């Protein structure tokens, strides 16, 4: 199955480079990598170009002008441009474990979207991860990470679980199988059918709203948060505002109450 991995980014070259290294050593090779860039500076393009020249899979850089937070708009462009029938959505601050794409390919099924999780790292651990630690997989080992900073139980369970334990944990977890943009996937046709992301939405819930419309369309979430592993690197969130959160909550409430499937503020205007 041909897969497109869409990585969103904005002016975060240090973190994006670690993510690019992670996707260079995936066990599943039949995918393309699309960097959906919400108006980053020239250094981001230079970084991507330097890796694309000798990368093991095709790399594309989709960019639009920096006119403020417009992440959903560039993600919609990426959905349309994706060559794969199946799309994994993730972020430029999330390092994938070597089996990340393989896990999404394994669990992909019609009528479902996949809901992964993440291991959120503090800044000290985020900074400590070097290229070699990604290439040899050390940064995904609890013994290595715990030498830098103490791991919480949730992160320890995700990283230490074998496939049997991970499957059981995904089955019994009380966490909803929601769509989150650091680690979720679905068929491109289903994303197109709901008209992609709602471009009115700023930071704070547009991915959840996307998943809620998928649910209304009949595509239900499947939990893989203990199987598909990414390390979420620490960063500030200057674009998070009370106004955007309130507006997004109002949109999500309407989607749930009215069982809305299609947004008129998406791919097709």
C-alpha atoms as a PDB file:
ATOM      1  CA  UNK A   1       0.000   0.000   0.000  1.00  0.00           C
ATOM      2  CA  UNK A   2       1.393   3.386  -1.012  1.00  0.00           C
ATOM      3  CA  UNK A   3       1.409   5.761   1.952  1.00  0.00           C
ATOM      4  CA  UNK A   4       1.924   9.514   2.247  1.00  0.00           C
ATOM      5  CA  UNK A   5       3.315  10.778   5.546  1.00  0.00           C
ATOM      6  CA  UNK A   6       2.429  14.434   6.112  1.00  0.00           C
ATOM      7  CA  UNK A   7       4.636  16.302   8.593  1.00  0.00           C
ATOM      8  CA  UNK A   8       3.523  19.812   9.583  1.00  0.00           C
ATOM      9  CA  UNK A   9       6.177  22.352  10.569  1.00  0.00           C
ATOM     10  CA  UNK A  10       6.880  26.012  11.269  1.00  0.00           C
ATOM     11  CA  UNK A  11      10.314  27.504  11.980  1.00  0.00           C
ATOM     12  CA  UNK A  12      11.601  24.523  13.980  1.00  0.00           C
ATOM     13  CA  UNK A  13      14.640  23.249  12.113  1.00  0.00           C
ATOM     14  CA  UNK A  14      16.306  21.631  15.148  1.00  0.00           C
ATOM     15  CA  UNK A  15      13.271  19.441  15.825  1.00  0.00           C
ATOM     16  CA  UNK A  16      12.425  18.848  12.150  1.00  0.00           C
ATOM     17  CA  UNK A  17      15.904  17.484  11.467  1.00  0.00           C
ATOM     18  CA  UNK A  18      15.426  14.850  14.163  1.00  0.00           C
ATOM     19  CA  UNK A  19      12.088  13.918  12.595  1.00  0.00           C
ATOM     20  CA  UNK A  20      13.659  13.640   9.134  1.00  0.00           C
ATOM     21  CA  UNK A  21      16.303  11.315  10.563  1.00  0.00           C
ATOM     22  CA  UNK A  22      13.535   9.181  12.083  1.00  0.00           C
ATOM     23  CA  UNK A  23      11.744   8.744   8.763  1.00  0.00           C
ATOM     24  CA  UNK A  24      15.002   7.861   7.018  1.00  0.00           C
ATOM     25  CA  UNK A  25      15.237   4.542   8.894  1.00  0.00           C
ATOM     26  CA  UNK A  26      11.666   3.247   8.712  1.00  0.00           C
ATOM     27  CA  UNK A  27      11.183  -0.496   8.278  1.00  0.00           C
ATOM     28  CA  UNK A  28       8.312   0.172   5.840  1.00  0.00           C
ATOM     29  CA  UNK A  29       9.697   1.756   2.677  1.00  0.00           C
ATOM     30  CA  UNK A  30       6.711   2.305   0.369  1.00  0.00           C
ATOM     31  CA  UNK A  31       5.877   5.858   1.400  1.00  0.00           C
ATOM     32  CA  UNK A  32       6.547   9.456   0.495  1.00  0.00           C
ATOM     33  CA  UNK A  33       7.295  12.197   2.989  1.00  0.00           C
ATOM     34  CA  UNK A  34       5.478  15.527   2.597  1.00  0.00           C
ATOM     35  CA  UNK A  35       6.560  18.453   4.755  1.00  0.00           C
ATOM     36  CA  UNK A  36       3.534  20.754   5.083  1.00  0.00           C
ATOM     37  CA  UNK A  37       5.162  24.068   5.931  1.00  0.00           C
ATOM     38  CA  UNK A  38       3.061  26.900   7.384  1.00  0.00           C
ATOM     39  CA  UNK A  39       5.354  29.674   6.122  1.00  0.00           C
ATOM     40  CA  UNK A  40       8.744  28.838   7.637  1.00  0.00           C
ATOM     41  CA  UNK A  41      11.924  30.810   6.967  1.00  0.00           C
ATOM     42  CA  UNK A  42      14.463  29.877   4.287  1.00  0.00           C
ATOM     43  CA  UNK A  43      16.505  27.728   6.689  1.00  0.00           C
ATOM     44  CA  UNK A  44      13.693  25.164   6.784  1.00  0.00           C
ATOM     45  CA  UNK A  45      13.785  24.772   3.005  1.00  0.00           C
ATOM     46  CA  UNK A  46      17.569  24.460   3.074  1.00  0.00           C
ATOM     47  CA  UNK A  47      17.344  21.710   5.691  1.00  0.00           C
ATOM     48  CA  UNK A  48      14.713  19.756   3.762  1.00  0.00           C
ATOM     49  CA  UNK A  49      16.615  20.101   0.487  1.00  0.00           C
ATOM     50  CA  UNK A  50      19.817  18.855   2.106  1.00  0.00           C
ATOM     51  CA  UNK A  51      18.088  15.655   3.226  1.00  0.00           C
ATOM     52  CA  UNK A  52      15.940  15.177   0.109  1.00  0.00           C
ATOM     53  CA  UNK A  53      19.022  14.928  -2.111  1.00  0.00           C
ATOM     54  CA  UNK A  54      19.909  11.477  -0.727  1.00  0.00           C
ATOM     55  CA  UNK A  55      16.790  10.425   1.184  1.00  0.00           C
ATOM     56  CA  UNK A  56      15.625   6.784   0.927  1.00  0.00           C
ATOM     57  CA  UNK A  57      12.034   7.796   0.013  1.00  0.00           C
ATOM     58  CA  UNK A  58      10.617  10.734  -1.996  1.00  0.00           C
ATOM     59  CA  UNK A  59      10.462  14.030  -0.068  1.00  0.00           C
ATOM     60  CA  UNK A  60       8.267  16.991  -0.998  1.00  0.00           C
ATOM     61  CA  UNK A  61       8.169  20.424   0.601  1.00  0.00           C
ATOM     62  CA  UNK A  62       4.825  22.237   0.414  1.00  0.00           C
ATOM     63  CA  UNK A  63       5.053  25.852   1.572  1.00  0.00           C
ATOM     64  CA  UNK A  64       2.856  28.921   1.689  1.00  0.00           C
ATOM     65  CA  UNK A  65       3.532  32.470   2.809  1.00  0.00           C
ATOM     66  CA  UNK A  66       3.615  33.246   6.511  1.00  0.00           C
ATOM     67  CA  UNK A  67       0.366  35.127   7.108  1.00  0.00           C
ATOM     68  CA  UNK A  68      -0.102  33.914  10.661  1.00  0.00           C
ATOM     69  CA  UNK A  69      -1.294  30.515  11.852  1.00  0.00           C
ATOM     70  CA  UNK A  70      -2.710  28.735   8.770  1.00  0.00           C
ATOM     71  CA  UNK A  71      -1.713  25.150   9.462  1.00  0.00           C
ATOM     72  CA  UNK A  72      -5.056  23.701   8.393  1.00  0.00           C
ATOM     73  CA  UNK A  73      -4.755  25.353   4.976  1.00  0.00           C
ATOM     74  CA  UNK A  74      -1.374  23.819   4.180  1.00  0.00           C
ATOM     75  CA  UNK A  75      -2.567  20.447   5.492  1.00  0.00           C
ATOM     76  CA  UNK A  76      -5.465  20.575   3.042  1.00  0.00           C
ATOM     77  CA  UNK A  77      -2.994  21.254   0.240  1.00  0.00           C
ATOM     78  CA  UNK A  78      -0.999  18.233   1.399  1.00  0.00           C
ATOM     79  CA  UNK A  79      -4.090  16.001   1.389  1.00  0.00           C
ATOM     80  CA  UNK A  80      -4.874  16.947  -2.204  1.00  0.00           C
ATOM     81  CA  UNK A  81      -1.231  16.630  -3.297  1.00  0.00           C
ATOM     82  CA  UNK A  82      -0.616  13.289  -1.562  1.00  0.00           C
ATOM     83  CA  UNK A  83       0.264  10.493  -3.973  1.00  0.00           C
ATOM     84  CA  UNK A  84      -0.641   7.750  -1.508  1.00  0.00           C
ATOM     85  CA  UNK A  85      -4.066   6.209  -1.046  1.00  0.00           C
ATOM     86  CA  UNK A  86      -3.431   6.283   2.694  1.00  0.00           C
ATOM     87  CA  UNK A  87      -2.222   9.316   4.677  1.00  0.00           C
ATOM     88  CA  UNK A  88      -0.455   9.467   8.035  1.00  0.00           C
ATOM     89  CA  UNK A  89      -0.714  12.849   9.745  1.00  0.00           C
ATOM     90  CA  UNK A  90       2.067  13.836  12.132  1.00  0.00           C
ATOM     91  CA  UNK A  91       4.081  16.855  13.277  1.00  0.00           C
ATOM     92  CA  UNK A  92       7.586  18.187  12.818  1.00  0.00           C
ATOM     93  CA  UNK A  93       8.271  17.792  16.541  1.00  0.00           C
ATOM     94  CA  UNK A  94       7.466  14.061  16.692  1.00  0.00           C
ATOM     95  CA  UNK A  95      10.295  11.555  16.122  1.00  0.00           C
ATOM     96  CA  UNK A  96       8.876   8.253  14.813  1.00  0.00           C
ATOM     97  CA  UNK A  97      10.108   4.898  16.030  1.00  0.00           C
ATOM     98  CA  UNK A  98      11.530   2.773  13.203  1.00  0.00           C
ATOM     99  CA  UNK A  99       8.329   0.694  12.923  1.00  0.00           C
ATOM    100  CA  UNK A 100       5.982   3.703  12.969  1.00  0.00           C
ATOM    101  CA  UNK A 101       4.888   3.646   9.308  1.00  0.00           C
ATOM    102  CA  UNK A 102       4.791  -0.161   9.343  1.00  0.00           C
ATOM    103  CA  UNK A 103       2.373  -0.142  12.290  1.00  0.00           C
ATOM    104  CA  UNK A 104       0.017   2.280  10.538  1.00  0.00           C
ATOM    105  CA  UNK A 105       0.151   0.157   7.374  1.00  0.00           C
ATOM    106  CA  UNK A 106      -0.550  -2.998   9.392  1.00  0.00           C
ATOM    107  CA  UNK A 107      -3.650  -1.665  11.132  1.00  0.00           C
ATOM    108  CA  UNK A 108      -5.111   0.376   8.253  1.00  0.00           C
ATOM    109  CA  UNK A 109      -8.592  -0.796   7.322  1.00  0.00           C
ATOM    110  CA  UNK A 110     -11.632   0.493   5.498  1.00  0.00           C
ATOM    111  CA  UNK A 111     -14.150   2.277   7.668  1.00  0.00           C
ATOM    112  CA  UNK A 112     -11.538   3.226  10.260  1.00  0.00           C
ATOM    113  CA  UNK A 113      -9.062   5.941  11.085  1.00  0.00           C
ATOM    114  CA  UNK A 114      -6.131   5.132  13.358  1.00  0.00           C
ATOM    115  CA  UNK A 115      -5.544   7.029  16.589  1.00  0.00           C
ATOM    116  CA  UNK A 116      -1.965   6.902  17.826  1.00  0.00           C
ATOM    117  CA  UNK A 117      -0.475   8.515  20.883  1.00  0.00           C
ATOM    118  CA  UNK A 118       2.796  10.126  21.832  1.00  0.00           C
ATOM    119  CA  UNK A 119       5.456  10.162  24.505  1.00  0.00           C
ATOM    120  CA  UNK A 120       5.742  13.802  25.517  1.00  0.00           C
ATOM    121  CA  UNK A 121       9.306  14.601  26.515  1.00  0.00           C
ATOM    122  CA  UNK A 122      10.532  17.564  28.573  1.00  0.00           C
ATOM    123  CA  UNK A 123      13.071  19.979  27.083  1.00  0.00           C
ATOM    124  CA  UNK A 124      16.191  18.384  28.569  1.00  0.00           C
ATOM    125  CA  UNK A 125      15.423  15.008  27.001  1.00  0.00           C
ATOM    126  CA  UNK A 126      14.304  16.629  23.744  1.00  0.00           C
ATOM    127  CA  UNK A 127      17.628  18.441  23.445  1.00  0.00           C
ATOM    128  CA  UNK A 128      19.699  15.402  24.445  1.00  0.00           C
ATOM    129  CA  UNK A 129      18.554  13.245  21.528  1.00  0.00           C
ATOM    130  CA  UNK A 130      21.254  13.225  18.848  1.00  0.00           C
ATOM    131  CA  UNK A 131      21.302  11.758  15.342  1.00  0.00           C
ATOM    132  CA  UNK A 132      23.034   8.582  16.492  1.00  0.00           C
ATOM    133  CA  UNK A 133      20.410   8.019  19.197  1.00  0.00           C
ATOM    134  CA  UNK A 134      17.679   8.020  16.546  1.00  0.00           C
ATOM    135  CA  UNK A 135      19.593   5.850  14.087  1.00  0.00           C
ATOM    136  CA  UNK A 136      20.393   3.184  16.677  1.00  0.00           C
ATOM    137  CA  UNK A 137      17.023   3.466  18.423  1.00  0.00           C
ATOM    138  CA  UNK A 138      18.446   4.322  21.849  1.00  0.00           C
ATOM    139  CA  UNK A 139      16.104   7.280  22.301  1.00  0.00           C
ATOM    140  CA  UNK A 140      13.146   4.856  22.307  1.00  0.00           C
ATOM    141  CA  UNK A 141      14.623   2.756  25.122  1.00  0.00           C
ATOM    142  CA  UNK A 142      13.348   3.431  28.626  1.00  0.00           C
ATOM    143  CA  UNK A 143      16.793   2.699  30.077  1.00  0.00           C
ATOM    144  CA  UNK A 144      18.398   5.408  27.921  1.00  0.00           C
ATOM    145  CA  UNK A 145      15.723   8.076  28.462  1.00  0.00           C
ATOM    146  CA  UNK A 146      15.444   7.497  32.203  1.00  0.00           C
ATOM    147  CA  UNK A 147      19.122   8.338  32.630  1.00  0.00           C
ATOM    148  CA  UNK A 148      18.319  11.872  31.431  1.00  0.00           C
ATOM    149  CA  UNK A 149      15.025  12.439  33.225  1.00  0.00           C
ATOM    150  CA  UNK A 150      12.476  10.289  35.006  1.00  0.00           C
ATOM    151  CA  UNK A 151       9.825   8.786  32.733  1.00  0.00           C
ATOM    152  CA  UNK A 152       6.181   8.947  33.735  1.00  0.00           C
ATOM    153  CA  UNK A 153       4.206   5.701  33.747  1.00  0.00           C
ATOM    154  CA  UNK A 154       2.329   6.427  30.513  1.00  0.00           C
ATOM    155  CA  UNK A 155       5.544   6.966  28.549  1.00  0.00           C
ATOM    156  CA  UNK A 156       7.192   3.963  30.179  1.00  0.00           C
ATOM    157  CA  UNK A 157       4.301   1.705  29.228  1.00  0.00           C
ATOM    158  CA  UNK A 158       4.259   2.848  25.599  1.00  0.00           C
ATOM    159  CA  UNK A 159       7.998   2.478  25.159  1.00  0.00           C
ATOM    160  CA  UNK A 160       8.507  -0.746  27.113  1.00  0.00           C
ATOM    161  CA  UNK A 161       5.478  -2.700  25.888  1.00  0.00           C
ATOM    162  CA  UNK A 162       5.969  -5.667  23.574  1.00  0.00           C
ATOM    163  CA  UNK A 163       3.355  -6.258  20.877  1.00  0.00           C
ATOM    164  CA  UNK A 164       1.125  -8.378  23.132  1.00  0.00           C
ATOM    165  CA  UNK A 165       1.141  -5.864  25.980  1.00  0.00           C
ATOM    166  CA  UNK A 166       0.647  -2.984  23.524  1.00  0.00           C
ATOM    167  CA  UNK A 167      -2.388  -4.690  21.975  1.00  0.00           C
ATOM    168  CA  UNK A 168      -3.931  -5.318  25.396  1.00  0.00           C
ATOM    169  CA  UNK A 169      -3.221  -1.748  26.499  1.00  0.00           C
ATOM    170  CA  UNK A 170      -4.827  -0.358  23.348  1.00  0.00           C
ATOM    171  CA  UNK A 171      -7.853  -2.556  23.940  1.00  0.00           C
ATOM    172  CA  UNK A 172      -8.451  -1.552  27.559  1.00  0.00           C
ATOM    173  CA  UNK A 173      -7.305   2.083  27.577  1.00  0.00           C
ATOM    174  CA  UNK A 174     -10.053   4.526  28.630  1.00  0.00           C
ATOM    175  CA  UNK A 175      -8.640   7.142  26.235  1.00  0.00           C
ATOM    176  CA  UNK A 176     -10.904   7.853  23.265  1.00  0.00           C
ATOM    177  CA  UNK A 177      -9.656   6.941  19.795  1.00  0.00           C
ATOM    178  CA  UNK A 178      -9.635  10.544  18.623  1.00  0.00           C
ATOM    179  CA  UNK A 179      -7.871  12.044  15.610  1.00  0.00           C
ATOM    180  CA  UNK A 180      -4.738  13.878  16.683  1.00  0.00           C
ATOM    181  CA  UNK A 181      -2.325  15.384  14.231  1.00  0.00           C
ATOM    182  CA  UNK A 182       0.841  14.101  15.855  1.00  0.00           C
ATOM    183  CA  UNK A 183      -0.072  10.476  15.189  1.00  0.00           C
ATOM    184  CA  UNK A 184      -3.208   9.552  13.214  1.00  0.00           C
ATOM    185  CA  UNK A 185      -4.016   8.182   9.786  1.00  0.00           C
ATOM    186  CA  UNK A 186      -6.872   7.526   7.376  1.00  0.00           C
ATOM    187  CA  UNK A 187      -7.594   6.808   3.736  1.00  0.00           C
ATOM    188  CA  UNK A 188      -7.210   9.822   1.485  1.00  0.00           C
ATOM    189  CA  UNK A 189     -10.650   9.216  -0.025  1.00  0.00           C
ATOM    190  CA  UNK A 190     -12.273   9.582   3.415  1.00  0.00           C
ATOM    191  CA  UNK A 191     -10.363  12.802   4.105  1.00  0.00           C
ATOM    192  CA  UNK A 192     -11.513  14.199   0.772  1.00  0.00           C
ATOM    193  CA  UNK A 193     -15.090  13.054   1.439  1.00  0.00           C
ATOM    194  CA  UNK A 194     -15.361  15.340   4.492  1.00  0.00           C
ATOM    195  CA  UNK A 195     -13.596  18.204   2.632  1.00  0.00           C
ATOM    196  CA  UNK A 196     -10.454  18.079   4.730  1.00  0.00           C
ATOM    197  CA  UNK A 197      -9.706  20.382   7.648  1.00  0.00           C
ATOM    198  CA  UNK A 198     -11.885  23.322   8.661  1.00  0.00           C
ATOM    199  CA  UNK A 199      -9.649  26.279   7.807  1.00  0.00           C
ATOM    200  CA  UNK A 200     -11.469  28.620  10.195  1.00  0.00           C
ATOM    201  CA  UNK A 201      -9.915  26.763  13.109  1.00  0.00           C
ATOM    202  CA  UNK A 202      -6.685  27.895  14.737  1.00  0.00           C
ATOM    203  CA  UNK A 203      -4.684  26.066  17.404  1.00  0.00           C
ATOM    204  CA  UNK A 204      -6.554  23.879  19.848  1.00  0.00           C
ATOM    205  CA  UNK A 205      -8.759  21.113  18.488  1.00  0.00           C
ATOM    206  CA  UNK A 206      -8.883  21.235  14.658  1.00  0.00           C
ATOM    207  CA  UNK A 207      -7.625  17.649  14.510  1.00  0.00           C
ATOM    208  CA  UNK A 208     -10.277  16.470  16.948  1.00  0.00           C
ATOM    209  CA  UNK A 209     -12.938  18.233  14.859  1.00  0.00           C
ATOM    210  CA  UNK A 210     -11.547  16.548  11.737  1.00  0.00           C
ATOM    211  CA  UNK A 211     -11.930  13.170  13.451  1.00  0.00           C
ATOM    212  CA  UNK A 212     -15.422  13.983  14.677  1.00  0.00           C
ATOM    213  CA  UNK A 213     -16.534  14.657  11.105  1.00  0.00           C
ATOM    214  CA  UNK A 214     -14.900  11.388  10.022  1.00  0.00           C
ATOM    215  CA  UNK A 215     -16.941   9.645  12.733  1.00  0.00           C
ATOM    216  CA  UNK A 216     -20.120  11.350  11.484  1.00  0.00           C
ATOM    217  CA  UNK A 217     -19.223  10.152   7.971  1.00  0.00           C
ATOM    218  CA  UNK A 218     -19.038   6.583   9.292  1.00  0.00           C
ATOM    219  CA  UNK A 219     -15.267   6.230   9.710  1.00  0.00           C
ATOM    220  CA  UNK A 220     -14.651   5.173  13.307  1.00  0.00           C
ATOM    221  CA  UNK A 221     -11.469   5.556  15.318  1.00  0.00           C
ATOM    222  CA  UNK A 222      -9.249   2.574  16.153  1.00  0.00           C
ATOM    223  CA  UNK A 223      -6.804   2.861  19.046  1.00  0.00           C
ATOM    224  CA  UNK A 224      -3.096   2.196  18.369  1.00  0.00           C
ATOM    225  CA  UNK A 225      -1.552   4.564  20.928  1.00  0.00           C
ATOM    226  CA  UNK A 226       0.648   1.850  22.468  1.00  0.00           C
ATOM    227  CA  UNK A 227       1.699   0.393  19.123  1.00  0.00           C
ATOM    228  CA  UNK A 228       2.533   3.428  16.957  1.00  0.00           C
ATOM    229  CA  UNK A 229       5.187   5.321  18.889  1.00  0.00           C
ATOM    230  CA  UNK A 230       6.486   8.871  18.461  1.00  0.00           C
ATOM    231  CA  UNK A 231       8.551  11.008  20.813  1.00  0.00           C
ATOM    232  CA  UNK A 232       6.946  14.442  21.128  1.00  0.00           C
ATOM    233  CA  UNK A 233       9.670  17.053  21.602  1.00  0.00           C
ATOM    234  CA  UNK A 234       9.074  20.003  23.894  1.00  0.00           C
ATOM    235  CA  UNK A 235       8.374  23.517  22.585  1.00  0.00           C
ATOM    236  CA  UNK A 236       6.525  26.734  23.346  1.00  0.00           C
ATOM    237  CA  UNK A 237       3.014  27.348  22.004  1.00  0.00           C
ATOM    238  CA  UNK A 238       2.840  31.073  21.382  1.00  0.00           C
ATOM    239  CA  UNK A 239      -0.041  30.635  18.959  1.00  0.00           C
ATOM    240  CA  UNK A 240      -2.355  29.232  21.674  1.00  0.00           C
ATOM    241  CA  UNK A 241      -4.949  31.830  22.682  1.00  0.00           C
ATOM    242  CA  UNK A 242      -8.171  31.726  24.756  1.00  0.00           C
ATOM    243  CA  UNK A 243     -10.019  33.179  21.751  1.00  0.00           C
ATOM    244  CA  UNK A 244      -8.959  30.407  19.381  1.00  0.00           C
ATOM    245  CA  UNK A 245      -9.786  27.718  21.931  1.00  0.00           C
ATOM    246  CA  UNK A 246     -13.269  29.138  22.520  1.00  0.00           C
ATOM    247  CA  UNK A 247     -14.009  29.505  18.814  1.00  0.00           C
ATOM    248  CA  UNK A 248     -12.838  25.968  18.115  1.00  0.00           C
ATOM    249  CA  UNK A 249     -14.948  24.525  20.914  1.00  0.00           C
ATOM    250  CA  UNK A 250     -18.030  26.228  19.434  1.00  0.00           C
ATOM    251  CA  UNK A 251     -17.326  24.729  16.008  1.00  0.00           C
ATOM    252  CA  UNK A 252     -16.791  21.279  17.486  1.00  0.00           C
ATOM    253  CA  UNK A 253     -20.042  21.487  19.463  1.00  0.00           C
ATOM    254  CA  UNK A 254     -21.975  22.289  16.300  1.00  0.00           C
ATOM    255  CA  UNK A 255     -20.311  19.390  14.461  1.00  0.00           C
ATOM    256  CA  UNK A 256     -21.295  16.969  17.212  1.00  0.00           C
ATOM    257  CA  UNK A 257     -24.817  18.323  17.744  1.00  0.00           C
ATOM    258  CA  UNK A 258     -25.709  18.467  14.040  1.00  0.00           C
ATOM    259  CA  UNK A 259     -23.699  15.385  12.980  1.00  0.00           C
ATOM    260  CA  UNK A 260     -21.882  17.472  10.373  1.00  0.00           C
ATOM    261  CA  UNK A 261     -19.707  15.554   7.906  1.00  0.00           C
ATOM    262  CA  UNK A 262     -18.656  18.178   5.366  1.00  0.00           C
ATOM    263  CA  UNK A 263     -17.123  21.553   6.137  1.00  0.00           C
ATOM    264  CA  UNK A 264     -17.718  24.385   3.640  1.00  0.00           C
ATOM    265  CA  UNK A 265     -14.446  25.907   4.910  1.00  0.00           C
ATOM    266  CA  UNK A 266     -12.163  23.115   3.719  1.00  0.00           C
ATOM    267  CA  UNK A 267     -10.544  21.963   0.478  1.00  0.00           C
ATOM    268  CA  UNK A 268     -13.496  22.958  -1.711  1.00  0.00           C
ATOM    269  CA  UNK A 269     -14.689  26.472  -0.919  1.00  0.00           C
END
